[in-house]
């Protein structure tokens, strides 16, 4: 994978969001943010940062899983694509759940 190309794409997209915000183009900001969140390049870059570049890459998270080998990272990417992480659940599906409300406020 050409990580430089992926990083450049995500960086330019973030810059476009910043410029649109500076120019008070709210609709454009939302469109670009949606594009960034649904970007497969952004997902790849996020997986790379968490599994390779963080200082605690060998420390398992809450789920007790680490992806230290390249084939494990590819499997993680495919799993996240399969789960469709690009669509979120509306908050109204969690009425009265105090734990979710506290997580959102953080």
C-alpha atoms as a PDB file:
ATOM      1  CA  UNK A   1       0.000   0.000   0.000  1.00  0.00           C
ATOM      2  CA  UNK A   2       1.129   3.481  -0.778  1.00  0.00           C
ATOM      3  CA  UNK A   3       0.696   5.134   2.623  1.00  0.00           C
ATOM      4  CA  UNK A   4       1.885   8.518   1.372  1.00  0.00           C
ATOM      5  CA  UNK A   5      -0.966   8.697  -1.138  1.00  0.00           C
ATOM      6  CA  UNK A   6      -3.502   7.669   1.504  1.00  0.00           C
ATOM      7  CA  UNK A   7      -2.159  10.224   3.982  1.00  0.00           C
ATOM      8  CA  UNK A   8      -2.199  12.976   1.349  1.00  0.00           C
ATOM      9  CA  UNK A   9      -5.831  12.225   0.436  1.00  0.00           C
ATOM     10  CA  UNK A  10      -7.001  12.313   4.061  1.00  0.00           C
ATOM     11  CA  UNK A  11      -4.921  15.420   4.797  1.00  0.00           C
ATOM     12  CA  UNK A  12      -6.357  17.302   1.809  1.00  0.00           C
ATOM     13  CA  UNK A  13      -9.867  16.307   2.790  1.00  0.00           C
ATOM     14  CA  UNK A  14      -9.290  17.633   6.311  1.00  0.00           C
ATOM     15  CA  UNK A  15      -7.895  20.855   4.881  1.00  0.00           C
ATOM     16  CA  UNK A  16     -10.977  21.242   2.693  1.00  0.00           C
ATOM     17  CA  UNK A  17     -13.175  20.812   5.775  1.00  0.00           C
ATOM     18  CA  UNK A  18     -11.152  23.439   7.624  1.00  0.00           C
ATOM     19  CA  UNK A  19     -11.330  25.917   4.737  1.00  0.00           C
ATOM     20  CA  UNK A  20     -15.074  25.400   4.336  1.00  0.00           C
ATOM     21  CA  UNK A  21     -15.550  26.017   8.057  1.00  0.00           C
ATOM     22  CA  UNK A  22     -13.491  29.205   7.863  1.00  0.00           C
ATOM     23  CA  UNK A  23     -15.698  30.411   5.002  1.00  0.00           C
ATOM     24  CA  UNK A  24     -18.901  29.571   6.931  1.00  0.00           C
ATOM     25  CA  UNK A  25     -19.982  27.000   4.351  1.00  0.00           C
ATOM     26  CA  UNK A  26     -21.904  24.769   6.759  1.00  0.00           C
ATOM     27  CA  UNK A  27     -23.477  22.571   4.104  1.00  0.00           C
ATOM     28  CA  UNK A  28     -20.120  21.961   2.455  1.00  0.00           C
ATOM     29  CA  UNK A  29     -18.579  21.114   5.827  1.00  0.00           C
ATOM     30  CA  UNK A  30     -21.251  18.473   6.473  1.00  0.00           C
ATOM     31  CA  UNK A  31     -20.826  16.982   3.014  1.00  0.00           C
ATOM     32  CA  UNK A  32     -17.043  16.808   3.382  1.00  0.00           C
ATOM     33  CA  UNK A  33     -17.276  15.362   6.886  1.00  0.00           C
ATOM     34  CA  UNK A  34     -19.608  12.664   5.614  1.00  0.00           C
ATOM     35  CA  UNK A  35     -17.135  11.962   2.817  1.00  0.00           C
ATOM     36  CA  UNK A  36     -14.279  11.685   5.318  1.00  0.00           C
ATOM     37  CA  UNK A  37     -16.229   9.363   7.608  1.00  0.00           C
ATOM     38  CA  UNK A  38     -17.196   7.060   4.743  1.00  0.00           C
ATOM     39  CA  UNK A  39     -13.715   7.070   3.225  1.00  0.00           C
ATOM     40  CA  UNK A  40     -11.969   3.710   3.105  1.00  0.00           C
ATOM     41  CA  UNK A  41      -8.635   5.531   3.091  1.00  0.00           C
ATOM     42  CA  UNK A  42      -9.511   7.148   6.411  1.00  0.00           C
ATOM     43  CA  UNK A  43     -10.401   3.723   7.822  1.00  0.00           C
ATOM     44  CA  UNK A  44      -7.085   2.272   6.625  1.00  0.00           C
ATOM     45  CA  UNK A  45      -5.172   5.181   8.097  1.00  0.00           C
ATOM     46  CA  UNK A  46      -7.021   4.837  11.413  1.00  0.00           C
ATOM     47  CA  UNK A  47      -6.219   1.132  11.623  1.00  0.00           C
ATOM     48  CA  UNK A  48      -2.587   1.868  10.827  1.00  0.00           C
ATOM     49  CA  UNK A  49      -2.360   4.538  13.520  1.00  0.00           C
ATOM     50  CA  UNK A  50      -3.939   2.358  16.184  1.00  0.00           C
ATOM     51  CA  UNK A  51      -2.037  -0.840  15.368  1.00  0.00           C
ATOM     52  CA  UNK A  52       1.379   0.484  14.328  1.00  0.00           C
ATOM     53  CA  UNK A  53       2.014   4.078  15.324  1.00  0.00           C
ATOM     54  CA  UNK A  54       0.523   4.330  18.822  1.00  0.00           C
ATOM     55  CA  UNK A  55       2.875   3.806  21.729  1.00  0.00           C
ATOM     56  CA  UNK A  56       0.661   1.094  23.241  1.00  0.00           C
ATOM     57  CA  UNK A  57       0.278  -1.024  20.106  1.00  0.00           C
ATOM     58  CA  UNK A  58       0.863  -4.283  21.982  1.00  0.00           C
ATOM     59  CA  UNK A  59      -1.650  -3.470  24.714  1.00  0.00           C
ATOM     60  CA  UNK A  60      -5.035  -5.076  24.034  1.00  0.00           C
ATOM     61  CA  UNK A  61      -8.058  -2.827  24.255  1.00  0.00           C
ATOM     62  CA  UNK A  62     -11.328  -3.442  26.046  1.00  0.00           C
ATOM     63  CA  UNK A  63     -12.135  -6.354  23.753  1.00  0.00           C
ATOM     64  CA  UNK A  64      -8.732  -7.976  24.407  1.00  0.00           C
ATOM     65  CA  UNK A  65      -7.681  -7.930  20.752  1.00  0.00           C
ATOM     66  CA  UNK A  66      -4.452  -6.751  19.149  1.00  0.00           C
ATOM     67  CA  UNK A  67      -3.647  -6.760  15.440  1.00  0.00           C
ATOM     68  CA  UNK A  68       0.122  -6.819  15.200  1.00  0.00           C
ATOM     69  CA  UNK A  69       0.597  -8.849  12.006  1.00  0.00           C
ATOM     70  CA  UNK A  70      -0.249  -7.506   8.516  1.00  0.00           C
ATOM     71  CA  UNK A  71      -2.735 -10.303   7.836  1.00  0.00           C
ATOM     72  CA  UNK A  72      -4.509  -9.511  11.133  1.00  0.00           C
ATOM     73  CA  UNK A  73      -4.775  -5.852  10.133  1.00  0.00           C
ATOM     74  CA  UNK A  74      -6.235  -6.804   6.756  1.00  0.00           C
ATOM     75  CA  UNK A  75      -8.731  -9.050   8.520  1.00  0.00           C
ATOM     76  CA  UNK A  76      -9.646  -6.179  10.856  1.00  0.00           C
ATOM     77  CA  UNK A  77     -10.169  -3.849   7.886  1.00  0.00           C
ATOM     78  CA  UNK A  78     -12.410  -6.368   6.128  1.00  0.00           C
ATOM     79  CA  UNK A  79     -14.366  -6.969   9.332  1.00  0.00           C
ATOM     80  CA  UNK A  80     -14.963  -3.248   9.826  1.00  0.00           C
ATOM     81  CA  UNK A  81     -16.093  -2.906   6.216  1.00  0.00           C
ATOM     82  CA  UNK A  82     -18.447  -5.853   6.660  1.00  0.00           C
ATOM     83  CA  UNK A  83     -19.944  -4.347   9.800  1.00  0.00           C
ATOM     84  CA  UNK A  84     -20.574  -1.109   7.900  1.00  0.00           C
ATOM     85  CA  UNK A  85     -18.993   1.190  10.460  1.00  0.00           C
ATOM     86  CA  UNK A  86     -19.828   4.125   8.223  1.00  0.00           C
ATOM     87  CA  UNK A  87     -23.460   4.217   9.390  1.00  0.00           C
ATOM     88  CA  UNK A  88     -24.211   5.125  12.961  1.00  0.00           C
ATOM     89  CA  UNK A  89     -27.306   4.403  15.015  1.00  0.00           C
ATOM     90  CA  UNK A  90     -29.410   7.387  16.015  1.00  0.00           C
ATOM     91  CA  UNK A  91     -29.267   8.263  19.685  1.00  0.00           C
ATOM     92  CA  UNK A  92     -33.045   7.844  19.976  1.00  0.00           C
ATOM     93  CA  UNK A  93     -32.528   4.064  19.846  1.00  0.00           C
ATOM     94  CA  UNK A  94     -31.018   4.261  23.336  1.00  0.00           C
ATOM     95  CA  UNK A  95     -33.764   5.837  25.462  1.00  0.00           C
ATOM     96  CA  UNK A  96     -32.926   6.033  29.117  1.00  0.00           C
ATOM     97  CA  UNK A  97     -29.556   4.330  28.756  1.00  0.00           C
ATOM     98  CA  UNK A  98     -27.360   6.405  31.043  1.00  0.00           C
ATOM     99  CA  UNK A  99     -24.113   4.698  29.957  1.00  0.00           C
ATOM    100  CA  UNK A 100     -24.558   5.732  26.323  1.00  0.00           C
ATOM    101  CA  UNK A 101     -25.458   9.286  27.344  1.00  0.00           C
ATOM    102  CA  UNK A 102     -22.308   9.534  29.440  1.00  0.00           C
ATOM    103  CA  UNK A 103     -20.142   8.215  26.585  1.00  0.00           C
ATOM    104  CA  UNK A 104     -21.587  10.744  24.175  1.00  0.00           C
ATOM    105  CA  UNK A 105     -20.916  13.635  26.537  1.00  0.00           C
ATOM    106  CA  UNK A 106     -17.234  12.659  26.800  1.00  0.00           C
END
